[in-house]
Amino acid sequence: ATTVMELYEIRAWETITESDDCGCDVRFPSWDASDTEYQQSFAGLSQAEHSALRRELIERRKQLESTVREICEAQGNW
């Protein structure tokens, strides 16, 4: 579940940085795409592989955070 949550947030944040839009529909999209990505690419990973993936996802989120915060604060959606 935590991996899907990380994917969800990162994919939304990537869309925010690409579109320069932090509207609610962009910041909080449907879970379907993240769930599908998880099921197709990550569901069969071992616990160790999941841990490594989560570390990568957390690092990616950290890379995006300042840009996303800036965009979203400017639009009153942080």
PDB file of N, CA and C in Angstrom:
ATOM      1  N   ALA A   1       0.816  -1.200   0.000  1.00  0.00           N
ATOM      2  CA  ALA A   1       0.000   0.000   0.000  1.00  0.00           C
ATOM      3  C   ALA A   1       0.856   1.259   0.000  1.00  0.00           C
ATOM      4  N   THR A   2       1.951   1.240   0.755  1.00  0.00           N
ATOM      5  CA  THR A   2       2.776   2.452   0.826  1.00  0.00           C
ATOM      6  C   THR A   2       3.465   2.737  -0.506  1.00  0.00           C
ATOM      7  N   THR A   3       3.803   1.709  -1.242  1.00  0.00           N
ATOM      8  CA  THR A   3       4.419   1.908  -2.555  1.00  0.00           C
ATOM      9  C   THR A   3       3.428   2.549  -3.514  1.00  0.00           C
ATOM     10  N   VAL A   4       2.189   2.105  -3.496  1.00  0.00           N
ATOM     11  CA  VAL A   4       1.153   2.699  -4.349  1.00  0.00           C
ATOM     12  C   VAL A   4       0.945   4.163  -3.960  1.00  0.00           C
ATOM     13  N   MET A   5       0.952   4.455  -2.674  1.00  0.00           N
ATOM     14  CA  MET A   5       0.783   5.834  -2.218  1.00  0.00           C
ATOM     15  C   MET A   5       1.932   6.713  -2.705  1.00  0.00           C
ATOM     16  N   GLU A   6       3.146   6.196  -2.641  1.00  0.00           N
ATOM     17  CA  GLU A   6       4.297   6.953  -3.141  1.00  0.00           C
ATOM     18  C   GLU A   6       4.170   7.198  -4.641  1.00  0.00           C
ATOM     19  N   LEU A   7       3.829   6.154  -5.384  1.00  0.00           N
ATOM     20  CA  LEU A   7       3.641   6.303  -6.833  1.00  0.00           C
ATOM     21  C   LEU A   7       2.585   7.354  -7.145  1.00  0.00           C
ATOM     22  N   TYR A   8       1.480   7.305  -6.424  1.00  0.00           N
ATOM     23  CA  TYR A   8       0.377   8.237  -6.630  1.00  0.00           C
ATOM     24  C   TYR A   8       0.861   9.676  -6.478  1.00  0.00           C
ATOM     25  N   GLU A   9       1.537   9.947  -5.371  1.00  0.00           N
ATOM     26  CA  GLU A   9       1.989  11.310  -5.117  1.00  0.00           C
ATOM     27  C   GLU A   9       3.031  11.756  -6.136  1.00  0.00           C
ATOM     28  N   ILE A  10       3.981  10.903  -6.423  1.00  0.00           N
ATOM     29  CA  ILE A  10       5.030  11.263  -7.376  1.00  0.00           C
ATOM     30  C   ILE A  10       4.462  11.523  -8.762  1.00  0.00           C
ATOM     31  N   ARG A  11       3.570  10.667  -9.220  1.00  0.00           N
ATOM     32  CA  ARG A  11       2.992  10.872 -10.563  1.00  0.00           C
ATOM     33  C   ARG A  11       2.199  12.168 -10.612  1.00  0.00           C
ATOM     34  N   ALA A  12       1.470  12.479  -9.547  1.00  0.00           N
ATOM     35  CA  ALA A  12       0.743  13.748  -9.499  1.00  0.00           C
ATOM     36  C   ALA A  12       1.724  14.913  -9.498  1.00  0.00           C
ATOM     37  N   TRP A  13       2.779  14.817  -8.719  1.00  0.00           N
ATOM     38  CA  TRP A  13       3.763  15.890  -8.645  1.00  0.00           C
ATOM     39  C   TRP A  13       4.493  16.067  -9.975  1.00  0.00           C
ATOM     40  N   GLU A  14       4.771  14.972 -10.656  1.00  0.00           N
ATOM     41  CA  GLU A  14       5.394  15.090 -11.974  1.00  0.00           C
ATOM     42  C   GLU A  14       4.472  15.834 -12.944  1.00  0.00           C
ATOM     43  N   THR A  15       3.193  15.535 -12.880  1.00  0.00           N
ATOM     44  CA  THR A  15       2.224  16.219 -13.739  1.00  0.00           C
ATOM     45  C   THR A  15       2.147  17.699 -13.391  1.00  0.00           C
ATOM     46  N   ILE A  16       2.196  18.021 -12.114  1.00  0.00           N
ATOM     47  CA  ILE A  16       2.179  19.425 -11.685  1.00  0.00           C
ATOM     48  C   ILE A  16       3.379  20.167 -12.254  1.00  0.00           C
ATOM     49  N   THR A  17       4.569  19.575 -12.154  1.00  0.00           N
ATOM     50  CA  THR A  17       5.765  20.265 -12.650  1.00  0.00           C
ATOM     51  C   THR A  17       5.765  20.367 -14.169  1.00  0.00           C
ATOM     52  N   GLU A  18       5.233  19.364 -14.851  1.00  0.00           N
ATOM     53  CA  GLU A  18       5.188  19.389 -16.316  1.00  0.00           C
ATOM     54  C   GLU A  18       4.152  20.389 -16.843  1.00  0.00           C
ATOM     55  N   SER A  19       3.039  20.515 -16.136  1.00  0.00           N
ATOM     56  CA  SER A  19       1.940  21.352 -16.621  1.00  0.00           C
ATOM     57  C   SER A  19       1.906  22.733 -15.975  1.00  0.00           C
ATOM     58  N   ASP A  20       2.671  22.906 -14.900  1.00  0.00           N
ATOM     59  CA  ASP A  20       2.652  24.156 -14.135  1.00  0.00           C
ATOM     60  C   ASP A  20       1.236  24.444 -13.630  1.00  0.00           C
ATOM     61  N   ASP A  21       0.520  23.374 -13.291  1.00  0.00           N
ATOM     62  CA  ASP A  21      -0.865  23.474 -12.839  1.00  0.00           C
ATOM     63  C   ASP A  21      -1.024  22.645 -11.567  1.00  0.00           C
ATOM     64  N   CYS A  22      -1.566  23.272 -10.537  1.00  0.00           N
ATOM     65  CA  CYS A  22      -1.786  22.573  -9.275  1.00  0.00           C
ATOM     66  C   CYS A  22      -3.267  22.562  -8.911  1.00  0.00           C
ATOM     67  N   GLY A  23      -4.106  22.511  -9.925  1.00  0.00           N
ATOM     68  CA  GLY A  23      -5.537  22.389  -9.666  1.00  0.00           C
ATOM     69  C   GLY A  23      -5.833  21.086  -8.956  1.00  0.00           C
ATOM     70  N   CYS A  24      -6.953  21.043  -8.277  1.00  0.00           N
ATOM     71  CA  CYS A  24      -7.301  19.847  -7.498  1.00  0.00           C
ATOM     72  C   CYS A  24      -7.323  18.575  -8.336  1.00  0.00           C
ATOM     73  N   ASP A  25      -7.801  18.664  -9.575  1.00  0.00           N
ATOM     74  CA  ASP A  25      -7.862  17.466 -10.413  1.00  0.00           C
ATOM     75  C   ASP A  25      -6.472  16.984 -10.821  1.00  0.00           C
ATOM     76  N   VAL A  26      -5.485  17.869 -10.828  1.00  0.00           N
ATOM     77  CA  VAL A  26      -4.100  17.487 -11.143  1.00  0.00           C
ATOM     78  C   VAL A  26      -3.405  16.985  -9.882  1.00  0.00           C
ATOM     79  N   ARG A  27      -3.590  17.706  -8.792  1.00  0.00           N
ATOM     80  CA  ARG A  27      -2.915  17.331  -7.550  1.00  0.00           C
ATOM     81  C   ARG A  27      -3.488  16.056  -6.940  1.00  0.00           C
ATOM     82  N   PHE A  28      -4.781  15.835  -7.153  1.00  0.00           N
ATOM     83  CA  PHE A  28      -5.445  14.661  -6.581  1.00  0.00           C
ATOM     84  C   PHE A  28      -6.188  13.887  -7.665  1.00  0.00           C
ATOM     85  N   PRO A  29      -5.433  13.239  -8.574  1.00  0.00           N
ATOM     86  CA  PRO A  29      -6.075  12.487  -9.660  1.00  0.00           C
ATOM     87  C   PRO A  29      -6.671  11.173  -9.150  1.00  0.00           C
ATOM     88  N   SER A  30      -7.321  10.477 -10.036  1.00  0.00           N
ATOM     89  CA  SER A  30      -7.823   9.143  -9.720  1.00  0.00           C
ATOM     90  C   SER A  30      -6.653   8.233  -9.355  1.00  0.00           C
ATOM     91  N   TRP A  31      -6.923   7.253  -8.520  1.00  0.00           N
ATOM     92  CA  TRP A  31      -5.895   6.288  -8.129  1.00  0.00           C
ATOM     93  C   TRP A  31      -5.644   5.238  -9.216  1.00  0.00           C
ATOM     94  N   ASP A  32      -6.465   5.174 -10.222  1.00  0.00           N
ATOM     95  CA  ASP A  32      -6.414   4.095 -11.208  1.00  0.00           C
ATOM     96  C   ASP A  32      -5.050   3.937 -11.865  1.00  0.00           C
ATOM     97  N   ALA A  33      -4.452   5.018 -12.327  1.00  0.00           N
ATOM     98  CA  ALA A  33      -3.170   4.925 -13.034  1.00  0.00           C
ATOM     99  C   ALA A  33      -2.071   4.415 -12.110  1.00  0.00           C
ATOM    100  N   SER A  34      -2.037   4.903 -10.880  1.00  0.00           N
ATOM    101  CA  SER A  34      -1.010   4.453  -9.931  1.00  0.00           C
ATOM    102  C   SER A  34      -1.198   2.987  -9.576  1.00  0.00           C
ATOM    103  N   ASP A  35      -2.442   2.589  -9.381  1.00  0.00           N
ATOM    104  CA  ASP A  35      -2.716   1.191  -9.063  1.00  0.00           C
ATOM    105  C   ASP A  35      -2.327   0.287 -10.228  1.00  0.00           C
ATOM    106  N   THR A  36      -2.660   0.695 -11.436  1.00  0.00           N
ATOM    107  CA  THR A  36      -2.300  -0.095 -12.623  1.00  0.00           C
ATOM    108  C   THR A  36      -0.786  -0.190 -12.765  1.00  0.00           C
ATOM    109  N   GLU A  37      -0.087   0.929 -12.608  1.00  0.00           N
ATOM    110  CA  GLU A  37       1.377   0.913 -12.700  1.00  0.00           C
ATOM    111  C   GLU A  37       1.968  -0.029 -11.661  1.00  0.00           C
ATOM    112  N   TYR A  38       1.459   0.028 -10.446  1.00  0.00           N
ATOM    113  CA  TYR A  38       1.951  -0.855  -9.394  1.00  0.00           C
ATOM    114  C   TYR A  38       1.712  -2.317  -9.751  1.00  0.00           C
ATOM    115  N   GLN A  39       0.491  -2.634 -10.156  1.00  0.00           N
ATOM    116  CA  GLN A  39       0.153  -4.025 -10.473  1.00  0.00           C
ATOM    117  C   GLN A  39       0.994  -4.564 -11.625  1.00  0.00           C
ATOM    118  N   GLN A  40       1.235  -3.741 -12.639  1.00  0.00           N
ATOM    119  CA  GLN A  40       1.969  -4.186 -13.822  1.00  0.00           C
ATOM    120  C   GLN A  40       3.478  -4.243 -13.607  1.00  0.00           C
ATOM    121  N   SER A  41       4.002  -3.377 -12.763  1.00  0.00           N
ATOM    122  CA  SER A  41       5.454  -3.254 -12.673  1.00  0.00           C
ATOM    123  C   SER A  41       6.072  -3.670 -11.345  1.00  0.00           C
ATOM    124  N   PHE A  42       5.301  -3.620 -10.258  1.00  0.00           N
ATOM    125  CA  PHE A  42       5.935  -3.775  -8.952  1.00  0.00           C
ATOM    126  C   PHE A  42       5.303  -4.800  -8.021  1.00  0.00           C
ATOM    127  N   ALA A  43       4.141  -5.302  -8.335  1.00  0.00           N
ATOM    128  CA  ALA A  43       3.424  -6.192  -7.414  1.00  0.00           C
ATOM    129  C   ALA A  43       4.211  -7.452  -7.064  1.00  0.00           C
ATOM    130  N   GLY A  44       5.003  -7.956  -7.984  1.00  0.00           N
ATOM    131  CA  GLY A  44       5.719  -9.205  -7.749  1.00  0.00           C
ATOM    132  C   GLY A  44       7.086  -9.054  -7.104  1.00  0.00           C
ATOM    133  N   LEU A  45       7.442  -7.853  -6.695  1.00  0.00           N
ATOM    134  CA  LEU A  45       8.760  -7.644  -6.105  1.00  0.00           C
ATOM    135  C   LEU A  45       8.868  -8.283  -4.723  1.00  0.00           C
ATOM    136  N   SER A  46      10.077  -8.684  -4.385  1.00  0.00           N
ATOM    137  CA  SER A  46      10.336  -9.199  -3.042  1.00  0.00           C
ATOM    138  C   SER A  46      10.317  -8.037  -2.046  1.00  0.00           C
ATOM    139  N   GLN A  47      10.328  -8.361  -0.766  1.00  0.00           N
ATOM    140  CA  GLN A  47      10.329  -7.319   0.268  1.00  0.00           C
ATOM    141  C   GLN A  47      11.560  -6.419   0.123  1.00  0.00           C
ATOM    142  N   ALA A  48      12.709  -7.013  -0.138  1.00  0.00           N
ATOM    143  CA  ALA A  48      13.930  -6.225  -0.305  1.00  0.00           C
ATOM    144  C   ALA A  48      13.832  -5.309  -1.521  1.00  0.00           C
ATOM    145  N   GLU A  49      13.264  -5.818  -2.607  1.00  0.00           N
ATOM    146  CA  GLU A  49      13.087  -4.999  -3.811  1.00  0.00           C
ATOM    147  C   GLU A  49      12.086  -3.865  -3.567  1.00  0.00           C
ATOM    148  N   HIS A  50      11.033  -4.148  -2.812  1.00  0.00           N
ATOM    149  CA  HIS A  50      10.071  -3.104  -2.453  1.00  0.00           C
ATOM    150  C   HIS A  50      10.746  -2.012  -1.627  1.00  0.00           C
ATOM    151  N   SER A  51      11.582  -2.420  -0.697  1.00  0.00           N
ATOM    152  CA  SER A  51      12.282  -1.441   0.138  1.00  0.00           C
ATOM    153  C   SER A  51      13.182  -0.555  -0.705  1.00  0.00           C
ATOM    154  N   ALA A  52      13.902  -1.154  -1.631  1.00  0.00           N
ATOM    155  CA  ALA A  52      14.773  -0.374  -2.519  1.00  0.00           C
ATOM    156  C   ALA A  52      13.959   0.569  -3.400  1.00  0.00           C
ATOM    157  N   LEU A  53      12.846   0.082  -3.929  1.00  0.00           N
ATOM    158  CA  LEU A  53      11.976   0.910  -4.752  1.00  0.00           C
ATOM    159  C   LEU A  53      11.434   2.085  -3.949  1.00  0.00           C
ATOM    160  N   ARG A  54      10.983   1.826  -2.733  1.00  0.00           N
ATOM    161  CA  ARG A  54      10.446   2.913  -1.903  1.00  0.00           C
ATOM    162  C   ARG A  54      11.512   3.964  -1.633  1.00  0.00           C
ATOM    163  N   ARG A  55      12.744   3.562  -1.398  1.00  0.00           N
ATOM    164  CA  ARG A  55      13.823   4.540  -1.195  1.00  0.00           C
ATOM    165  C   ARG A  55      13.992   5.403  -2.439  1.00  0.00           C
ATOM    166  N   GLU A  56      13.930   4.782  -3.617  1.00  0.00           N
ATOM    167  CA  GLU A  56      14.029   5.533  -4.872  1.00  0.00           C
ATOM    168  C   GLU A  56      12.861   6.507  -5.032  1.00  0.00           C
ATOM    169  N   LEU A  57      11.672   6.042  -4.702  1.00  0.00           N
ATOM    170  CA  LEU A  57      10.492   6.894  -4.829  1.00  0.00           C
ATOM    171  C   LEU A  57      10.547   8.067  -3.852  1.00  0.00           C
ATOM    172  N   ILE A  58      10.992   7.812  -2.649  1.00  0.00           N
ATOM    173  CA  ILE A  58      11.125   8.889  -1.655  1.00  0.00           C
ATOM    174  C   ILE A  58      12.141   9.919  -2.125  1.00  0.00           C
ATOM    175  N   GLU A  59      13.235   9.466  -2.699  1.00  0.00           N
ATOM    176  CA  GLU A  59      14.240  10.391  -3.227  1.00  0.00           C
ATOM    177  C   GLU A  59      13.662  11.220  -4.375  1.00  0.00           C
ATOM    178  N   ARG A  60      12.892  10.597  -5.238  1.00  0.00           N
ATOM    179  CA  ARG A  60      12.260  11.324  -6.347  1.00  0.00           C
ATOM    180  C   ARG A  60      11.286  12.376  -5.812  1.00  0.00           C
ATOM    181  N   ARG A  61      10.514  12.011  -4.793  1.00  0.00           N
ATOM    182  CA  ARG A  61       9.580  12.954  -4.190  1.00  0.00           C
ATOM    183  C   ARG A  61      10.323  14.154  -3.613  1.00  0.00           C
ATOM    184  N   LYS A  62      11.445  13.902  -2.955  1.00  0.00           N
ATOM    185  CA  LYS A  62      12.256  14.992  -2.404  1.00  0.00           C
ATOM    186  C   LYS A  62      12.757  15.926  -3.503  1.00  0.00           C
ATOM    187  N   GLN A  63      13.117  15.356  -4.654  1.00  0.00           N
ATOM    188  CA  GLN A  63      13.589  16.163  -5.783  1.00  0.00           C
ATOM    189  C   GLN A  63      12.493  17.081  -6.315  1.00  0.00           C
ATOM    190  N   LEU A  64      11.268  16.626  -6.291  1.00  0.00           N
ATOM    191  CA  LEU A  64      10.136  17.367  -6.845  1.00  0.00           C
ATOM    192  C   LEU A  64       9.523  18.365  -5.861  1.00  0.00           C
ATOM    193  N   GLU A  65       9.720  18.146  -4.583  1.00  0.00           N
ATOM    194  CA  GLU A  65       8.954  18.860  -3.563  1.00  0.00           C
ATOM    195  C   GLU A  65       9.047  20.385  -3.649  1.00  0.00           C
ATOM    196  N   SER A  66      10.219  20.951  -3.784  1.00  0.00           N
ATOM    197  CA  SER A  66      10.318  22.411  -3.763  1.00  0.00           C
ATOM    198  C   SER A  66       9.617  23.037  -4.967  1.00  0.00           C
ATOM    199  N   THR A  67       9.749  22.428  -6.135  1.00  0.00           N
ATOM    200  CA  THR A  67       9.080  22.949  -7.326  1.00  0.00           C
ATOM    201  C   THR A  67       7.569  22.840  -7.190  1.00  0.00           C
ATOM    202  N   VAL A  68       7.107  21.696  -6.726  1.00  0.00           N
ATOM    203  CA  VAL A  68       5.663  21.489  -6.556  1.00  0.00           C
ATOM    204  C   VAL A  68       5.114  22.453  -5.515  1.00  0.00           C
ATOM    205  N   ARG A  69       5.816  22.612  -4.416  1.00  0.00           N
ATOM    206  CA  ARG A  69       5.370  23.534  -3.365  1.00  0.00           C
ATOM    207  C   ARG A  69       5.256  24.953  -3.917  1.00  0.00           C
ATOM    208  N   GLU A  70       6.247  25.380  -4.673  1.00  0.00           N
ATOM    209  CA  GLU A  70       6.240  26.723  -5.251  1.00  0.00           C
ATOM    210  C   GLU A  70       5.040  26.926  -6.181  1.00  0.00           C
ATOM    211  N   ILE A  71       4.821  25.968  -7.071  1.00  0.00           N
ATOM    212  CA  ILE A  71       3.690  26.048  -8.012  1.00  0.00           C
ATOM    213  C   ILE A  71       2.365  26.057  -7.254  1.00  0.00           C
ATOM    214  N   CYS A  72       2.220  25.149  -6.313  1.00  0.00           N
ATOM    215  CA  CYS A  72       0.956  25.003  -5.598  1.00  0.00           C
ATOM    216  C   CYS A  72       0.689  26.175  -4.657  1.00  0.00           C
ATOM    217  N   GLU A  73       1.717  26.670  -3.995  1.00  0.00           N
ATOM    218  CA  GLU A  73       1.527  27.835  -3.125  1.00  0.00           C
ATOM    219  C   GLU A  73       1.083  29.044  -3.948  1.00  0.00           C
ATOM    220  N   ALA A  74       1.695  29.221  -5.123  1.00  0.00           N
ATOM    221  CA  ALA A  74       1.340  30.354  -5.990  1.00  0.00           C
ATOM    222  C   ALA A  74      -0.123  30.278  -6.438  1.00  0.00           C
ATOM    223  N   GLN A  75      -0.657  29.056  -6.496  1.00  0.00           N
ATOM    224  CA  GLN A  75      -2.038  28.854  -6.929  1.00  0.00           C
ATOM    225  C   GLN A  75      -2.992  28.642  -5.758  1.00  0.00           C
ATOM    226  N   GLY A  76      -2.463  28.819  -4.532  1.00  0.00           N
ATOM    227  CA  GLY A  76      -3.301  28.690  -3.340  1.00  0.00           C
ATOM    228  C   GLY A  76      -3.780  27.279  -3.071  1.00  0.00           C
ATOM    229  N   ASN A  77      -2.973  26.286  -3.468  1.00  0.00           N
ATOM    230  CA  ASN A  77      -3.399  24.895  -3.311  1.00  0.00           C
ATOM    231  C   ASN A  77      -2.332  24.065  -2.622  1.00  0.00           C
ATOM    232  N   TRP A  78      -1.684  24.619  -1.604  1.00  0.00           N
ATOM    233  CA  TRP A  78      -0.701  23.837  -0.847  1.00  0.00           C
ATOM    234  C   TRP A  78      -1.227  23.687   0.530  1.00  0.00           C
TER     235      TRP A  78
END
